[in-house]
PDB file of N, CA and C in Angstrom:
ATOM      1  N   MET A   1     -10.478 -28.987 -17.539  1.00  0.00           N
ATOM      2  CA  MET A   1     -10.440 -27.341 -17.503  1.00  0.00           C
ATOM      3  C   MET A   1      -9.354 -26.596 -17.313  1.00  0.00           C
ATOM      4  N   GLY A   2      -8.228 -26.831 -16.365  1.00  0.00           N
ATOM      5  CA  GLY A   2      -7.378 -25.808 -16.461  1.00  0.00           C
ATOM      6  C   GLY A   2      -6.168 -26.142 -17.634  1.00  0.00           C
ATOM      7  N   GLY A   3      -6.238 -26.938 -18.178  1.00  0.00           N
ATOM      8  CA  GLY A   3      -5.380 -27.965 -19.250  1.00  0.00           C
ATOM      9  C   GLY A   3      -4.310 -27.947 -18.951  1.00  0.00           C
ATOM     10  N   GLY A   4      -3.263 -27.871 -17.502  1.00  0.00           N
ATOM     11  CA  GLY A   4      -2.351 -28.024 -17.214  1.00  0.00           C
ATOM     12  C   GLY A   4      -0.913 -27.271 -17.835  1.00  0.00           C
ATOM     13  N   ASP A   5       0.392 -27.321 -17.134  1.00  0.00           N
ATOM     14  CA  ASP A   5       1.509 -26.797 -17.644  1.00  0.00           C
ATOM     15  C   ASP A   5       1.795 -27.175 -19.214  1.00  0.00           C
ATOM     16  N   SER A   6       1.322 -27.873 -19.656  1.00  0.00           N
ATOM     17  CA  SER A   6       1.752 -28.196 -21.470  1.00  0.00           C
ATOM     18  C   SER A   6       0.501 -27.809 -21.989  1.00  0.00           C
ATOM     19  N   TYR A   7      -0.245 -27.325 -21.319  1.00  0.00           N
ATOM     20  CA  TYR A   7      -1.327 -26.685 -22.754  1.00  0.00           C
ATOM     21  C   TYR A   7      -0.914 -25.256 -23.319  1.00  0.00           C
ATOM     22  N   HIS A   8      -1.017 -25.305 -24.563  1.00  0.00           N
ATOM     23  CA  HIS A   8      -0.444 -24.058 -25.374  1.00  0.00           C
ATOM     24  C   HIS A   8      -1.824 -23.569 -26.238  1.00  0.00           C
ATOM     25  N   PRO A   9      -1.929 -22.328 -25.821  1.00  0.00           N
ATOM     26  CA  PRO A   9      -3.402 -21.952 -26.904  1.00  0.00           C
ATOM     27  C   PRO A   9      -3.024 -21.838 -28.599  1.00  0.00           C
ATOM     28  N   LYS A  10      -4.140 -22.061 -29.314  1.00  0.00           N
ATOM     29  CA  LYS A  10      -3.530 -21.842 -31.006  1.00  0.00           C
ATOM     30  C   LYS A  10      -2.973 -20.744 -30.996  1.00  0.00           C
ATOM     31  N   GLY A  11      -2.124 -20.802 -32.527  1.00  0.00           N
ATOM     32  CA  GLY A  11      -1.670 -19.739 -32.836  1.00  0.00           C
ATOM     33  C   GLY A  11      -0.065 -19.362 -32.113  1.00  0.00           C
ATOM     34  N   HIS A  12       0.000 -20.283 -30.929  1.00  0.00           N
ATOM     35  CA  HIS A  12       1.659 -19.751 -29.906  1.00  0.00           C
ATOM     36  C   HIS A  12       2.251 -21.002 -30.224  1.00  0.00           C
ATOM     37  N   HIS A  13       3.759 -20.940 -30.466  1.00  0.00           N
ATOM     38  CA  HIS A  13       4.212 -22.327 -30.255  1.00  0.00           C
ATOM     39  C   HIS A  13       5.093 -22.345 -29.463  1.00  0.00           C
ATOM     40  N   THR A  14       5.473 -21.243 -28.749  1.00  0.00           N
ATOM     41  CA  THR A  14       6.309 -20.994 -27.284  1.00  0.00           C
ATOM     42  C   THR A  14       5.956 -20.156 -26.557  1.00  0.00           C
ATOM     43  N   PHE A  15       6.498 -20.693 -25.248  1.00  0.00           N
ATOM     44  CA  PHE A  15       6.297 -19.545 -24.215  1.00  0.00           C
ATOM     45  C   PHE A  15       6.717 -18.265 -24.750  1.00  0.00           C
ATOM     46  N   LYS A  16       7.694 -18.265 -25.443  1.00  0.00           N
ATOM     47  CA  LYS A  16       8.425 -17.030 -25.834  1.00  0.00           C
ATOM     48  C   LYS A  16       7.555 -15.943 -26.421  1.00  0.00           C
ATOM     49  N   GLU A  17       6.804 -16.414 -26.982  1.00  0.00           N
ATOM     50  CA  GLU A  17       5.901 -15.664 -28.030  1.00  0.00           C
ATOM     51  C   GLU A  17       4.799 -15.057 -27.381  1.00  0.00           C
ATOM     52  N   VAL A  18       4.472 -15.353 -26.192  1.00  0.00           N
ATOM     53  CA  VAL A  18       3.411 -14.657 -24.918  1.00  0.00           C
ATOM     54  C   VAL A  18       4.237 -13.697 -24.295  1.00  0.00           C
ATOM     55  N   TRP A  19       3.282 -12.508 -24.551  1.00  0.00           N
ATOM     56  CA  TRP A  19       3.860 -11.301 -23.737  1.00  0.00           C
ATOM     57  C   TRP A  19       2.338 -11.015 -23.218  1.00  0.00           C
ATOM     58  N   SER A  20       2.441 -10.860 -22.349  1.00  0.00           N
ATOM     59  CA  SER A  20       1.304  -9.192 -21.707  1.00  0.00           C
ATOM     60  C   SER A  20       1.596  -9.197 -20.243  1.00  0.00           C
ATOM     61  N   PRO A  21       1.055  -7.752 -20.119  1.00  0.00           N
ATOM     62  CA  PRO A  21       1.251  -6.709 -18.819  1.00  0.00           C
ATOM     63  C   PRO A  21       1.266  -8.043 -17.415  1.00  0.00           C
ATOM     64  N   SER A  22       0.352  -9.026 -17.705  1.00  0.00           N
ATOM     65  CA  SER A  22       0.574  -9.847 -16.329  1.00  0.00           C
ATOM     66  C   SER A  22       1.665 -10.867 -16.408  1.00  0.00           C
ATOM     67  N   GLY A  23       2.295 -11.259 -17.331  1.00  0.00           N
ATOM     68  CA  GLY A  23       3.431 -12.180 -17.506  1.00  0.00           C
ATOM     69  C   GLY A  23       3.355 -13.146 -18.038  1.00  0.00           C
ATOM     70  N   GLY A  24       2.178 -13.340 -19.027  1.00  0.00           N
ATOM     71  CA  GLY A  24       2.353 -14.521 -19.816  1.00  0.00           C
ATOM     72  C   GLY A  24       1.094 -15.683 -19.225  1.00  0.00           C
ATOM     73  N   TRP A  25       1.307 -16.789 -19.700  1.00  0.00           N
ATOM     74  CA  TRP A  25       0.091 -17.564 -19.717  1.00  0.00           C
ATOM     75  C   TRP A  25       0.098 -18.279 -17.885  1.00  0.00           C
ATOM     76  N   TRP A  26       1.579 -18.697 -17.474  1.00  0.00           N
ATOM     77  CA  TRP A  26       1.629 -18.784 -16.416  1.00  0.00           C
ATOM     78  C   TRP A  26       2.752 -18.168 -15.424  1.00  0.00           C
ATOM     79  N   CYS A  27       2.112 -17.018 -15.193  1.00  0.00           N
ATOM     80  CA  CYS A  27       3.427 -16.345 -14.624  1.00  0.00           C
ATOM     81  C   CYS A  27       3.902 -16.506 -13.318  1.00  0.00           C
ATOM     82  N   ASP A  28       5.216 -16.628 -13.113  1.00  0.00           N
ATOM     83  CA  ASP A  28       5.971 -17.007 -11.781  1.00  0.00           C
ATOM     84  C   ASP A  28       6.983 -16.737 -11.887  1.00  0.00           C
ATOM     85  N   PRO A  29       7.090 -14.795 -11.691  1.00  0.00           N
ATOM     86  CA  PRO A  29       8.509 -14.456 -11.764  1.00  0.00           C
ATOM     87  C   PRO A  29       9.282 -14.807 -10.422  1.00  0.00           C
ATOM     88  N   LYS A  30      10.819 -15.021 -11.071  1.00  0.00           N
ATOM     89  CA  LYS A  30      11.991 -15.055 -10.089  1.00  0.00           C
ATOM     90  C   LYS A  30      11.618 -13.912  -8.841  1.00  0.00           C
ATOM     91  N   GLY A  31      11.712 -14.492  -7.533  1.00  0.00           N
ATOM     92  CA  GLY A  31      11.597 -13.811  -6.211  1.00  0.00           C
ATOM     93  C   GLY A  31      10.458 -12.614  -6.378  1.00  0.00           C
ATOM     94  N   TRP A  32       9.341 -13.310  -6.668  1.00  0.00           N
ATOM     95  CA  TRP A  32       8.350 -12.608  -6.397  1.00  0.00           C
ATOM     96  C   TRP A  32       7.992 -12.392  -4.807  1.00  0.00           C
ATOM     97  N   ARG A  33       8.092 -13.292  -4.268  1.00  0.00           N
ATOM     98  CA  ARG A  33       7.917 -13.067  -2.746  1.00  0.00           C
ATOM     99  C   ARG A  33       8.549 -12.239  -1.946  1.00  0.00           C
ATOM    100  N   LYS A  34      10.117 -12.250  -2.217  1.00  0.00           N
ATOM    101  CA  LYS A  34      10.453 -11.209  -1.569  1.00  0.00           C
ATOM    102  C   LYS A  34      10.617  -9.931  -2.150  1.00  0.00           C
ATOM    103  N   ASN A  35      10.280  -9.750  -3.484  1.00  0.00           N
ATOM    104  CA  ASN A  35      10.024  -8.194  -4.067  1.00  0.00           C
ATOM    105  C   ASN A  35       8.338  -7.962  -3.334  1.00  0.00           C
ATOM    106  N   THR A  36       7.531  -8.884  -3.217  1.00  0.00           N
ATOM    107  CA  THR A  36       6.276  -8.291  -2.561  1.00  0.00           C
ATOM    108  C   THR A  36       6.540  -8.035  -1.281  1.00  0.00           C
ATOM    109  N   VAL A  37       7.363  -8.868  -0.290  1.00  0.00           N
ATOM    110  CA  VAL A  37       7.669  -8.345   1.002  1.00  0.00           C
ATOM    111  C   VAL A  37       8.384  -6.701   1.327  1.00  0.00           C
ATOM    112  N   LEU A  38       9.571  -6.621  -0.039  1.00  0.00           N
ATOM    113  CA  LEU A  38      10.035  -5.461  -0.028  1.00  0.00           C
ATOM    114  C   LEU A  38       9.023  -4.340  -0.369  1.00  0.00           C
ATOM    115  N   ALA A  39       8.350  -4.142  -1.341  1.00  0.00           N
ATOM    116  CA  ALA A  39       7.416  -3.300  -1.580  1.00  0.00           C
ATOM    117  C   ALA A  39       6.339  -3.192  -0.091  1.00  0.00           C
ATOM    118  N   VAL A  40       5.823  -3.957   0.237  1.00  0.00           N
ATOM    119  CA  VAL A  40       4.766  -3.817   1.503  1.00  0.00           C
ATOM    120  C   VAL A  40       5.751  -2.873   2.492  1.00  0.00           C
ATOM    121  N   GLY A  41       7.028  -3.727   2.849  1.00  0.00           N
ATOM    122  CA  GLY A  41       7.606  -3.037   4.046  1.00  0.00           C
ATOM    123  C   GLY A  41       7.708  -1.584   3.511  1.00  0.00           C
ATOM    124  N   LEU A  42       8.453  -1.188   2.524  1.00  0.00           N
ATOM    125  CA  LEU A  42       8.560   0.274   1.906  1.00  0.00           C
ATOM    126  C   LEU A  42       7.376   1.114   2.235  1.00  0.00           C
ATOM    127  N   TYR A  43       6.414   0.359   1.926  1.00  0.00           N
ATOM    128  CA  TYR A  43       5.181   0.971   1.619  1.00  0.00           C
ATOM    129  C   TYR A  43       4.732   1.459   3.160  1.00  0.00           C
ATOM    130  N   MET A  44       4.905   0.506   4.119  1.00  0.00           N
ATOM    131  CA  MET A  44       4.463   0.866   5.683  1.00  0.00           C
ATOM    132  C   MET A  44       5.354   1.552   6.103  1.00  0.00           C
ATOM    133  N   THR A  45       6.840   1.764   5.755  1.00  0.00           N
ATOM    134  CA  THR A  45       7.555   2.653   6.421  1.00  0.00           C
ATOM    135  C   THR A  45       7.251   3.850   5.849  1.00  0.00           C
ATOM    136  N   ALA A  46       7.195   4.060   4.413  1.00  0.00           N
ATOM    137  CA  ALA A  46       6.513   5.391   4.132  1.00  0.00           C
ATOM    138  C   ALA A  46       5.437   6.160   4.667  1.00  0.00           C
ATOM    139  N   SER A  47       4.294   4.905   4.848  1.00  0.00           N
ATOM    140  CA  SER A  47       3.183   5.498   5.891  1.00  0.00           C
ATOM    141  C   SER A  47       3.472   6.043   7.309  1.00  0.00           C
ATOM    142  N   TYR A  48       4.234   5.211   7.651  1.00  0.00           N
ATOM    143  CA  TYR A  48       4.648   5.482   9.062  1.00  0.00           C
ATOM    144  C   TYR A  48       4.996   6.988   9.411  1.00  0.00           C
ATOM    145  N   LEU A  49       6.054   7.102   8.525  1.00  0.00           N
ATOM    146  CA  LEU A  49       6.736   8.452   8.565  1.00  0.00           C
ATOM    147  C   LEU A  49       5.881   9.567   8.426  1.00  0.00           C
ATOM    148  N   ILE A  50       5.233   9.296   7.234  1.00  0.00           N
ATOM    149  CA  ILE A  50       4.251  10.182   6.863  1.00  0.00           C
ATOM    150  C   ILE A  50       3.348  10.785   8.064  1.00  0.00           C
ATOM    151  N   PHE A  51       2.700   9.375   8.788  1.00  0.00           N
ATOM    152  CA  PHE A  51       1.561   9.917   9.726  1.00  0.00           C
ATOM    153  C   PHE A  51       2.582  10.634  11.112  1.00  0.00           C
ATOM    154  N   GLN A  52       3.779  10.191  11.071  1.00  0.00           N
ATOM    155  CA  GLN A  52       4.522  10.961  12.309  1.00  0.00           C
ATOM    156  C   GLN A  52       4.618  12.533  12.004  1.00  0.00           C
ATOM    157  N   TYR A  53       4.937  12.612  10.752  1.00  0.00           N
ATOM    158  CA  TYR A  53       5.438  14.199  10.257  1.00  0.00           C
ATOM    159  C   TYR A  53       3.982  14.774  10.512  1.00  0.00           C
ATOM    160  N   SER A  54       2.653  14.149  10.008  1.00  0.00           N
ATOM    161  CA  SER A  54       1.538  14.938  10.098  1.00  0.00           C
ATOM    162  C   SER A  54       1.123  14.571  11.419  1.00  0.00           C
ATOM    163  N   ALA A  55       1.444  13.918  12.371  1.00  0.00           N
ATOM    164  CA  ALA A  55       0.828  14.389  13.868  1.00  0.00           C
ATOM    165  C   ALA A  55       1.614  15.206  14.566  1.00  0.00           C
ATOM    166  N   GLU A  56       2.853  15.494  14.057  1.00  0.00           N
ATOM    167  CA  GLU A  56       3.758  16.507  14.958  1.00  0.00           C
ATOM    168  C   GLU A  56       3.500  17.867  14.515  1.00  0.00           C
ATOM    169  N   ASN A  57       3.180  17.864  13.055  1.00  0.00           N
ATOM    170  CA  ASN A  57       2.800  19.470  12.693  1.00  0.00           C
ATOM    171  C   ASN A  57       1.293  19.607  12.251  1.00  0.00           C
ATOM    172  N   GLU A  58       0.623  19.192  13.312  1.00  0.00           N
ATOM    173  CA  GLU A  58      -0.803  19.471  13.028  1.00  0.00           C
ATOM    174  C   GLU A  58      -1.527  20.559  13.820  1.00  0.00           C
ATOM    175  N   ARG A  59      -2.021  21.590  13.162  1.00  0.00           N
ATOM    176  CA  ARG A  59      -2.393  22.514  14.158  1.00  0.00           C
ATOM    177  C   ARG A  59      -3.787  23.191  13.829  1.00  0.00           C
ATOM    178  N   ARG A  60      -4.547  23.251  14.666  1.00  0.00           N
ATOM    179  CA  ARG A  60      -5.899  23.748  14.850  1.00  0.00           C
ATOM    180  C   ARG A  60      -5.897  25.112  15.266  1.00  0.00           C
ATOM    181  N   PHE A  61      -6.529  25.916  14.450  1.00  0.00           N
ATOM    182  CA  PHE A  61      -7.121  27.168  15.206  1.00  0.00           C
ATOM    183  C   PHE A  61      -8.173  27.905  15.944  1.00  0.00           C
ATOM    184  N   SER A  62      -9.101  26.719  15.377  1.00  0.00           N
ATOM    185  CA  SER A  62     -10.158  26.527  16.407  1.00  0.00           C
ATOM    186  C   SER A  62     -10.589  24.883  17.109  1.00  0.00           C
ATOM    187  N   HIS A  63     -11.086  24.852  18.410  1.00  0.00           N
ATOM    188  CA  HIS A  63     -11.392  23.611  18.770  1.00  0.00           C
ATOM    189  C   HIS A  63     -12.172  22.762  18.085  1.00  0.00           C
ATOM    190  N   PRO A  64     -12.311  21.725  17.576  1.00  0.00           N
ATOM    191  CA  PRO A  64     -13.469  21.354  16.786  1.00  0.00           C
ATOM    192  C   PRO A  64     -14.856  21.337  17.777  1.00  0.00           C
ATOM    193  N   ARG A  65     -15.863  21.074  17.060  1.00  0.00           N
ATOM    194  CA  ARG A  65     -17.276  20.682  17.501  1.00  0.00           C
ATOM    195  C   ARG A  65     -17.261  19.525  18.401  1.00  0.00           C
ATOM    196  N   HIS A  66     -16.950  18.636  17.349  1.00  0.00           N
ATOM    197  CA  HIS A  66     -17.115  16.965  17.778  1.00  0.00           C
ATOM    198  C   HIS A  66     -15.811  16.599  17.802  1.00  0.00           C
ATOM    199  N   TRP A  67     -15.575  15.486  18.375  1.00  0.00           N
ATOM    200  CA  TRP A  67     -14.641  14.550  18.907  1.00  0.00           C
ATOM    201  C   TRP A  67     -13.849  14.259  17.369  1.00  0.00           C
ATOM    202  N   VAL A  68     -12.931  14.556  17.014  1.00  0.00           N
ATOM    203  CA  VAL A  68     -11.814  14.103  15.962  1.00  0.00           C
ATOM    204  C   VAL A  68     -10.963  12.660  16.847  1.00  0.00           C
ATOM    205  N   PRO A  69     -10.721  12.137  15.866  1.00  0.00           N
ATOM    206  CA  PRO A  69      -9.996  10.945  15.929  1.00  0.00           C
ATOM    207  C   PRO A  69      -8.161  11.410  16.435  1.00  0.00           C
ATOM    208  N   SER A  70      -7.719  12.330  15.336  1.00  0.00           N
ATOM    209  CA  SER A  70      -6.638  12.714  15.615  1.00  0.00           C
ATOM    210  C   SER A  70      -6.440  13.286  17.083  1.00  0.00           C
ATOM    211  N   MET A  71      -7.324  13.674  18.012  1.00  0.00           N
ATOM    212  CA  MET A  71      -6.810  14.545  19.254  1.00  0.00           C
ATOM    213  C   MET A  71      -6.330  13.328  19.958  1.00  0.00           C
ATOM    214  N   LEU A  72      -6.537  11.934  20.157  1.00  0.00           N
ATOM    215  CA  LEU A  72      -5.626  11.042  20.674  1.00  0.00           C
ATOM    216  C   LEU A  72      -4.111  11.261  20.524  1.00  0.00           C
ATOM    217  N   TYR A  73      -3.596  11.780  19.228  1.00  0.00           N
ATOM    218  CA  TYR A  73      -1.997  11.449  19.216  1.00  0.00           C
ATOM    219  C   TYR A  73      -1.786  12.933  18.515  1.00  0.00           C
ATOM    220  N   ALA A  74      -2.396  14.063  18.616  1.00  0.00           N
ATOM    221  CA  ALA A  74      -2.032  15.462  18.154  1.00  0.00           C
ATOM    222  C   ALA A  74      -1.351  16.127  19.127  1.00  0.00           C
ATOM    223  N   LYS A  75      -0.344  16.706  18.999  1.00  0.00           N
ATOM    224  CA  LYS A  75       0.410  17.153  20.556  1.00  0.00           C
ATOM    225  C   LYS A  75      -0.183  18.770  20.561  1.00  0.00           C
ATOM    226  N   MET A  76      -1.247  18.918  20.021  1.00  0.00           N
ATOM    227  CA  MET A  76      -1.813  20.341  20.386  1.00  0.00           C
ATOM    228  C   MET A  76      -2.080  20.211  21.795  1.00  0.00           C
ATOM    229  N   PRO A  77      -1.868  21.628  22.550  1.00  0.00           N
ATOM    230  CA  PRO A  77      -2.228  22.045  23.784  1.00  0.00           C
ATOM    231  C   PRO A  77      -3.591  21.972  23.957  1.00  0.00           C
ATOM    232  N   PRO A  78      -3.868  21.629  25.413  1.00  0.00           N
ATOM    233  CA  PRO A  78      -5.497  21.273  25.544  1.00  0.00           C
ATOM    234  C   PRO A  78      -6.259  22.591  25.491  1.00  0.00           C
ATOM    235  N   LYS A  79      -7.143  22.547  25.267  1.00  0.00           N
ATOM    236  CA  LYS A  79      -8.258  24.007  25.345  1.00  0.00           C
ATOM    237  C   LYS A  79      -8.499  24.320  26.876  1.00  0.00           C
ATOM    238  N   PRO A  80      -8.112  25.565  26.525  1.00  0.00           N
ATOM    239  CA  PRO A  80      -8.702  26.262  28.380  1.00  0.00           C
ATOM    240  C   PRO A  80     -10.137  26.158  28.615  1.00  0.00           C
ATOM    241  N   GLU A  81     -10.036  25.966  29.407  1.00  0.00           N
ATOM    242  CA  GLU A  81     -11.709  25.603  30.142  1.00  0.00           C
ATOM    243  C   GLU A  81     -12.113  27.364  30.256  1.00  0.00           C
ATOM    244  N   ASP A  82     -13.532  27.317  29.797  1.00  0.00           N
ATOM    245  CA  ASP A  82     -13.999  28.790  30.084  1.00  0.00           C
ATOM    246  C   ASP A  82     -14.584  28.978  31.478  1.00  0.00           C
ATOM    247  N   GLU A  83     -14.312  29.791  32.114  1.00  0.00           N
ATOM    248  CA  GLU A  83     -14.611  30.004  33.304  1.00  0.00           C
ATOM    249  C   GLU A  83     -15.684  30.863  33.772  1.00  0.00           C
TER     250      GLU A  83
END
């Protein structure tokens, strides 16, 4: 079924002749775990900073008719009660 590590498809003599965007027949790039952790960490940091900026600068010009999740963290003043 899998062929093992020594399997080479017909028409290719060495690993050096194989090129693909995904990395070849048995892709295992050096440092892939570190690079993955770094990329996920940068993504999460950027997401957090964008979320904080959005929460601090959110403005509503009218009160929503229904509950909105951002009401939990937005720093808008509460709507004055009608008397």
